[in-house]
Amino acid sequence: EEKPEGPENESVEQLAFADRIILNKCDLVGASAKTKVGGDGACREVAEAPAGDSAEAAGTSEAAKEDALAELEARIKKINPHAPIIRAQFSHVDPNQLLKLGAFELQR
């Protein structure tokens, strides 16, 4: 089996073998964006949304923001159902969630 090279394959491999997944910039969901996930799961270029510091400024409600994050987490769980997903803003994560896990299993 020959795997395609490129960033798409690399990102899937990183997710598949991760012990923990940090979903960063959760506060920016719905804010100004240049890409959008299409029906086939691929990212597509889109016009930039109105600028703003938060999802609310771009017209995205908290419920819509939560729905988008839940959908993304579901897609990630299809790739790696074992790794917990940690939501973060500005990469702030409790170090205890990342250190001394002893979680690596090559057989997975």
N, C-alpha and C. Protein backbone atom coordinates (compact mmCIF):
# COMPACT_ATOMS: atom_id res chain seq x y z
N GLU A 1 0.85 -1.18 0.00
CA GLU A 1 0.00 0.00 0.00
C GLU A 1 0.89 1.24 0.00
N GLU A 2 0.69 2.09 -0.98
CA GLU A 2 1.47 3.32 -1.06
C GLU A 2 0.64 4.47 -0.52
N LYS A 3 1.22 5.19 0.45
CA LYS A 3 0.50 6.30 1.06
C LYS A 3 0.83 7.59 0.33
N PRO A 4 -0.16 8.45 0.13
CA PRO A 4 0.15 9.74 -0.48
C PRO A 4 0.98 10.58 0.48
N GLU A 5 1.87 11.36 -0.09
CA GLU A 5 2.69 12.24 0.73
C GLU A 5 2.03 13.59 0.83
N GLY A 6 2.41 14.34 1.81
CA GLY A 6 1.88 15.69 1.93
C GLY A 6 1.31 15.96 3.31
N PRO A 7 0.91 17.19 3.52
CA PRO A 7 0.44 17.59 4.85
C PRO A 7 -0.85 16.89 5.29
N GLU A 8 -1.72 16.52 4.34
CA GLU A 8 -2.96 15.84 4.73
C GLU A 8 -2.66 14.51 5.39
N ASN A 9 -1.80 13.73 4.75
CA ASN A 9 -1.46 12.42 5.29
C ASN A 9 -0.69 12.56 6.61
N GLU A 10 0.20 13.51 6.69
CA GLU A 10 0.99 13.74 7.91
C GLU A 10 0.09 14.10 9.08
N SER A 11 -0.88 14.96 8.86
CA SER A 11 -1.77 15.36 9.95
C SER A 11 -2.62 14.19 10.43
N VAL A 12 -3.08 13.35 9.52
CA VAL A 12 -3.86 12.17 9.91
C VAL A 12 -2.99 11.21 10.71
N GLU A 13 -1.76 11.01 10.30
CA GLU A 13 -0.86 10.12 11.05
C GLU A 13 -0.58 10.66 12.44
N GLN A 14 -0.39 11.98 12.55
CA GLN A 14 -0.16 12.57 13.87
C GLN A 14 -1.35 12.37 14.78
N LEU A 15 -2.56 12.53 14.24
CA LEU A 15 -3.76 12.30 15.05
C LEU A 15 -3.89 10.83 15.42
N ALA A 16 -3.62 9.94 14.48
CA ALA A 16 -3.80 8.51 14.71
C ALA A 16 -2.90 7.98 15.82
N PHE A 17 -1.70 8.52 15.97
CA PHE A 17 -0.75 8.01 16.95
C PHE A 17 -0.64 8.86 18.21
N ALA A 18 -1.47 9.87 18.34
CA ALA A 18 -1.39 10.77 19.49
C ALA A 18 -1.93 10.11 20.76
N ASP A 19 -1.30 10.43 21.89
CA ASP A 19 -1.79 10.00 23.20
C ASP A 19 -2.78 11.01 23.76
N ARG A 20 -2.61 12.25 23.41
CA ARG A 20 -3.49 13.35 23.78
C ARG A 20 -3.59 14.26 22.56
N ILE A 21 -4.74 14.87 22.37
CA ILE A 21 -4.92 15.79 21.25
C ILE A 21 -5.35 17.14 21.83
N ILE A 22 -4.57 18.17 21.52
CA ILE A 22 -4.91 19.51 21.97
C ILE A 22 -5.59 20.23 20.82
N LEU A 23 -6.82 20.61 21.03
CA LEU A 23 -7.60 21.35 20.05
C LEU A 23 -7.48 22.82 20.45
N ASN A 24 -6.55 23.51 19.84
CA ASN A 24 -6.23 24.89 20.22
C ASN A 24 -7.07 25.89 19.43
N LYS A 25 -7.10 27.10 19.92
CA LYS A 25 -7.80 28.24 19.30
C LYS A 25 -9.31 28.01 19.22
N CYS A 26 -9.85 27.32 20.20
CA CYS A 26 -11.29 27.04 20.23
C CYS A 26 -12.10 28.33 20.31
N ASP A 27 -11.50 29.37 20.85
CA ASP A 27 -12.20 30.66 20.96
C ASP A 27 -12.38 31.33 19.60
N LEU A 28 -11.67 30.88 18.59
CA LEU A 28 -11.74 31.51 17.27
C LEU A 28 -12.69 30.81 16.31
N VAL A 29 -13.35 29.76 16.76
CA VAL A 29 -14.29 29.05 15.90
C VAL A 29 -15.38 30.02 15.46
N GLY A 30 -15.58 30.11 14.15
CA GLY A 30 -16.58 31.01 13.60
C GLY A 30 -16.06 32.40 13.33
N ALA A 31 -14.87 32.71 13.82
CA ALA A 31 -14.28 34.03 13.56
C ALA A 31 -13.72 34.05 12.14
N SER A 32 -13.13 35.14 11.77
CA SER A 32 -12.58 35.33 10.44
C SER A 32 -11.78 34.11 9.99
N ALA A 33 -12.12 33.57 8.81
CA ALA A 33 -11.47 32.35 8.33
C ALA A 33 -11.25 32.44 6.83
N LYS A 34 -10.22 31.73 6.37
CA LYS A 34 -9.92 31.67 4.95
C LYS A 34 -10.25 30.31 4.36
N THR A 35 -10.50 29.33 5.21
CA THR A 35 -10.85 28.00 4.72
C THR A 35 -12.11 27.50 5.41
N LYS A 36 -12.76 26.55 4.77
CA LYS A 36 -13.98 25.94 5.30
C LYS A 36 -13.95 24.47 4.92
N VAL A 37 -14.44 23.62 5.80
CA VAL A 37 -14.49 22.20 5.51
C VAL A 37 -15.68 21.92 4.61
N GLY A 38 -15.42 21.26 3.49
CA GLY A 38 -16.49 20.93 2.54
C GLY A 38 -17.18 19.64 2.94
N GLY A 39 -18.20 19.25 2.19
CA GLY A 39 -18.96 18.05 2.46
C GLY A 39 -18.12 16.78 2.42
N ASP A 40 -17.02 16.81 1.66
CA ASP A 40 -16.15 15.64 1.57
C ASP A 40 -15.07 15.63 2.64
N GLY A 41 -15.10 16.63 3.53
CA GLY A 41 -14.12 16.70 4.61
C GLY A 41 -12.85 17.44 4.25
N ALA A 42 -12.73 17.88 3.01
CA ALA A 42 -11.54 18.61 2.59
C ALA A 42 -11.71 20.11 2.83
N CYS A 43 -10.61 20.77 3.14
CA CYS A 43 -10.65 22.22 3.35
C CYS A 43 -10.67 22.94 2.01
N ARG A 44 -11.44 23.99 1.93
CA ARG A 44 -11.57 24.78 0.71
C ARG A 44 -11.35 26.26 1.05
N GLU A 45 -10.78 26.98 0.11
CA GLU A 45 -10.62 28.42 0.28
C GLU A 45 -11.99 29.09 0.23
N VAL A 46 -12.22 30.04 1.12
CA VAL A 46 -13.47 30.81 1.13
C VAL A 46 -13.13 32.27 1.35
N ALA A 47 -14.10 33.12 1.07
CA ALA A 47 -13.89 34.55 1.32
C ALA A 47 -13.76 34.76 2.82
N GLU A 48 -12.97 35.72 3.18
CA GLU A 48 -12.75 36.00 4.59
C GLU A 48 -14.01 36.59 5.23
N ALA A 49 -14.33 36.08 6.39
CA ALA A 49 -15.49 36.56 7.13
C ALA A 49 -15.15 37.92 7.75
N PRO A 50 -16.15 38.64 8.21
CA PRO A 50 -15.87 39.92 8.86
C PRO A 50 -14.91 39.75 10.02
N ALA A 51 -13.97 40.65 10.14
CA ALA A 51 -12.96 40.55 11.19
C ALA A 51 -13.59 40.81 12.54
N GLY A 52 -13.01 40.19 13.55
CA GLY A 52 -13.48 40.40 14.92
C GLY A 52 -12.61 39.62 15.86
N ASP A 53 -12.70 39.95 17.13
CA ASP A 53 -11.87 39.30 18.12
C ASP A 53 -12.46 38.00 18.62
N SER A 54 -13.72 37.73 18.30
CA SER A 54 -14.35 36.53 18.82
C SER A 54 -15.35 35.98 17.82
N ALA A 55 -15.84 34.79 18.13
CA ALA A 55 -16.87 34.19 17.28
C ALA A 55 -18.13 35.04 17.29
N GLU A 56 -18.42 35.69 18.42
CA GLU A 56 -19.61 36.53 18.50
C GLU A 56 -19.51 37.70 17.51
N ALA A 57 -18.31 38.26 17.37
CA ALA A 57 -18.12 39.38 16.45
C ALA A 57 -18.35 38.96 15.01
N ALA A 58 -18.09 37.69 14.70
CA ALA A 58 -18.28 37.19 13.35
C ALA A 58 -19.70 36.66 13.15
N GLY A 59 -20.54 36.82 14.15
CA GLY A 59 -21.93 36.41 14.02
C GLY A 59 -22.19 34.96 14.33
N THR A 60 -21.30 34.30 15.05
CA THR A 60 -21.48 32.90 15.40
C THR A 60 -21.93 32.82 16.85
N SER A 61 -23.07 32.17 17.09
CA SER A 61 -23.56 32.02 18.45
C SER A 61 -22.73 30.98 19.20
N GLU A 62 -22.84 31.00 20.51
CA GLU A 62 -22.12 30.01 21.31
C GLU A 62 -22.60 28.60 20.97
N ALA A 63 -23.90 28.43 20.70
CA ALA A 63 -24.42 27.11 20.35
C ALA A 63 -23.83 26.63 19.02
N ALA A 64 -23.75 27.53 18.04
CA ALA A 64 -23.17 27.16 16.75
C ALA A 64 -21.68 26.85 16.89
N LYS A 65 -21.01 27.61 17.73
CA LYS A 65 -19.59 27.38 17.99
C LYS A 65 -19.39 26.01 18.63
N GLU A 66 -20.23 25.67 19.62
CA GLU A 66 -20.15 24.37 20.28
C GLU A 66 -20.46 23.23 19.30
N ASP A 67 -21.44 23.44 18.43
CA ASP A 67 -21.77 22.43 17.42
C ASP A 67 -20.60 22.18 16.49
N ALA A 68 -19.93 23.26 16.06
CA ALA A 68 -18.78 23.13 15.16
C ALA A 68 -17.63 22.39 15.84
N LEU A 69 -17.39 22.70 17.11
CA LEU A 69 -16.33 22.02 17.85
C LEU A 69 -16.68 20.54 18.05
N ALA A 70 -17.93 20.24 18.36
CA ALA A 70 -18.36 18.86 18.54
C ALA A 70 -18.21 18.07 17.24
N GLU A 71 -18.53 18.70 16.11
CA GLU A 71 -18.38 18.04 14.81
C GLU A 71 -16.91 17.75 14.51
N LEU A 72 -16.05 18.70 14.81
CA LEU A 72 -14.62 18.51 14.60
C LEU A 72 -14.10 17.39 15.50
N GLU A 73 -14.51 17.39 16.76
CA GLU A 73 -14.08 16.34 17.68
C GLU A 73 -14.55 14.97 17.21
N ALA A 74 -15.75 14.88 16.65
CA ALA A 74 -16.25 13.61 16.13
C ALA A 74 -15.39 13.12 14.97
N ARG A 75 -14.96 14.03 14.10
CA ARG A 75 -14.08 13.66 12.99
C ARG A 75 -12.74 13.16 13.51
N ILE A 76 -12.22 13.82 14.54
CA ILE A 76 -10.95 13.40 15.14
C ILE A 76 -11.10 12.04 15.78
N LYS A 77 -12.21 11.80 16.47
CA LYS A 77 -12.45 10.52 17.14
C LYS A 77 -12.54 9.35 16.15
N LYS A 78 -12.94 9.63 14.91
CA LYS A 78 -12.95 8.58 13.89
C LYS A 78 -11.53 8.14 13.55
N ILE A 79 -10.59 9.06 13.65
CA ILE A 79 -9.18 8.76 13.36
C ILE A 79 -8.51 8.12 14.57
N ASN A 80 -8.82 8.64 15.78
CA ASN A 80 -8.20 8.13 17.00
C ASN A 80 -9.24 8.15 18.12
N PRO A 81 -9.93 7.03 18.31
CA PRO A 81 -10.97 6.99 19.33
C PRO A 81 -10.44 6.90 20.77
N HIS A 82 -9.13 6.66 20.94
CA HIS A 82 -8.55 6.44 22.27
C HIS A 82 -8.04 7.71 22.94
N ALA A 83 -7.59 8.67 22.17
CA ALA A 83 -6.95 9.85 22.74
C ALA A 83 -7.98 10.87 23.23
N PRO A 84 -7.83 11.32 24.47
CA PRO A 84 -8.71 12.39 24.94
C PRO A 84 -8.40 13.68 24.19
N ILE A 85 -9.42 14.47 23.93
CA ILE A 85 -9.26 15.76 23.25
C ILE A 85 -9.35 16.85 24.30
N ILE A 86 -8.32 17.68 24.35
CA ILE A 86 -8.25 18.77 25.32
C ILE A 86 -8.47 20.07 24.56
N ARG A 87 -9.52 20.79 24.89
CA ARG A 87 -9.77 22.09 24.26
C ARG A 87 -8.89 23.14 24.93
N ALA A 88 -8.36 24.05 24.10
CA ALA A 88 -7.46 25.07 24.63
C ALA A 88 -7.65 26.39 23.91
N GLN A 89 -7.26 27.43 24.60
CA GLN A 89 -7.17 28.77 24.02
C GLN A 89 -5.78 29.29 24.36
N PHE A 90 -5.10 29.86 23.40
CA PHE A 90 -3.74 30.36 23.58
C PHE A 90 -2.80 29.25 24.07
N SER A 91 -3.08 28.00 23.71
CA SER A 91 -2.27 26.83 24.08
C SER A 91 -2.17 26.61 25.59
N HIS A 92 -3.10 27.17 26.36
CA HIS A 92 -3.08 26.98 27.81
C HIS A 92 -3.67 25.62 28.15
N VAL A 93 -2.80 24.74 28.66
CA VAL A 93 -3.19 23.39 29.04
C VAL A 93 -2.49 23.06 30.35
N ASP A 94 -3.22 22.43 31.26
CA ASP A 94 -2.64 22.00 32.53
C ASP A 94 -1.55 20.96 32.23
N PRO A 95 -0.30 21.22 32.64
CA PRO A 95 0.79 20.27 32.35
C PRO A 95 0.51 18.85 32.87
N ASN A 96 -0.28 18.73 33.93
CA ASN A 96 -0.59 17.40 34.46
C ASN A 96 -1.39 16.56 33.47
N GLN A 97 -2.04 17.20 32.50
CA GLN A 97 -2.77 16.46 31.48
C GLN A 97 -1.84 15.93 30.39
N LEU A 98 -0.58 16.36 30.41
CA LEU A 98 0.34 16.00 29.33
C LEU A 98 1.57 15.21 29.78
N LEU A 99 1.96 15.33 31.04
CA LEU A 99 3.20 14.72 31.50
C LEU A 99 2.97 13.40 32.22
N LYS A 100 3.97 12.53 32.16
CA LYS A 100 3.98 11.24 32.86
C LYS A 100 2.72 10.42 32.58
N LEU A 101 2.39 10.29 31.32
CA LEU A 101 1.17 9.55 30.94
C LEU A 101 1.40 8.04 30.90
N GLY A 102 2.58 7.63 30.42
CA GLY A 102 2.84 6.20 30.23
C GLY A 102 1.80 5.58 29.31
N ALA A 103 1.41 6.32 28.28
CA ALA A 103 0.29 5.90 27.46
C ALA A 103 0.69 5.29 26.11
N PHE A 104 1.94 5.29 25.75
CA PHE A 104 2.34 4.82 24.43
C PHE A 104 2.15 3.32 24.30
N GLU A 105 1.46 2.90 23.25
CA GLU A 105 1.30 1.48 22.91
C GLU A 105 1.47 1.33 21.41
N LEU A 106 2.55 0.69 21.00
CA LEU A 106 2.82 0.52 19.58
C LEU A 106 1.76 -0.36 18.91
N GLN A 107 1.16 -1.28 19.65
CA GLN A 107 0.18 -2.21 19.09
C GLN A 107 -1.12 -1.55 18.69
N ARG A 108 -1.41 -0.36 19.22
CA ARG A 108 -2.66 0.33 18.92
C ARG A 108 -2.77 0.63 17.50
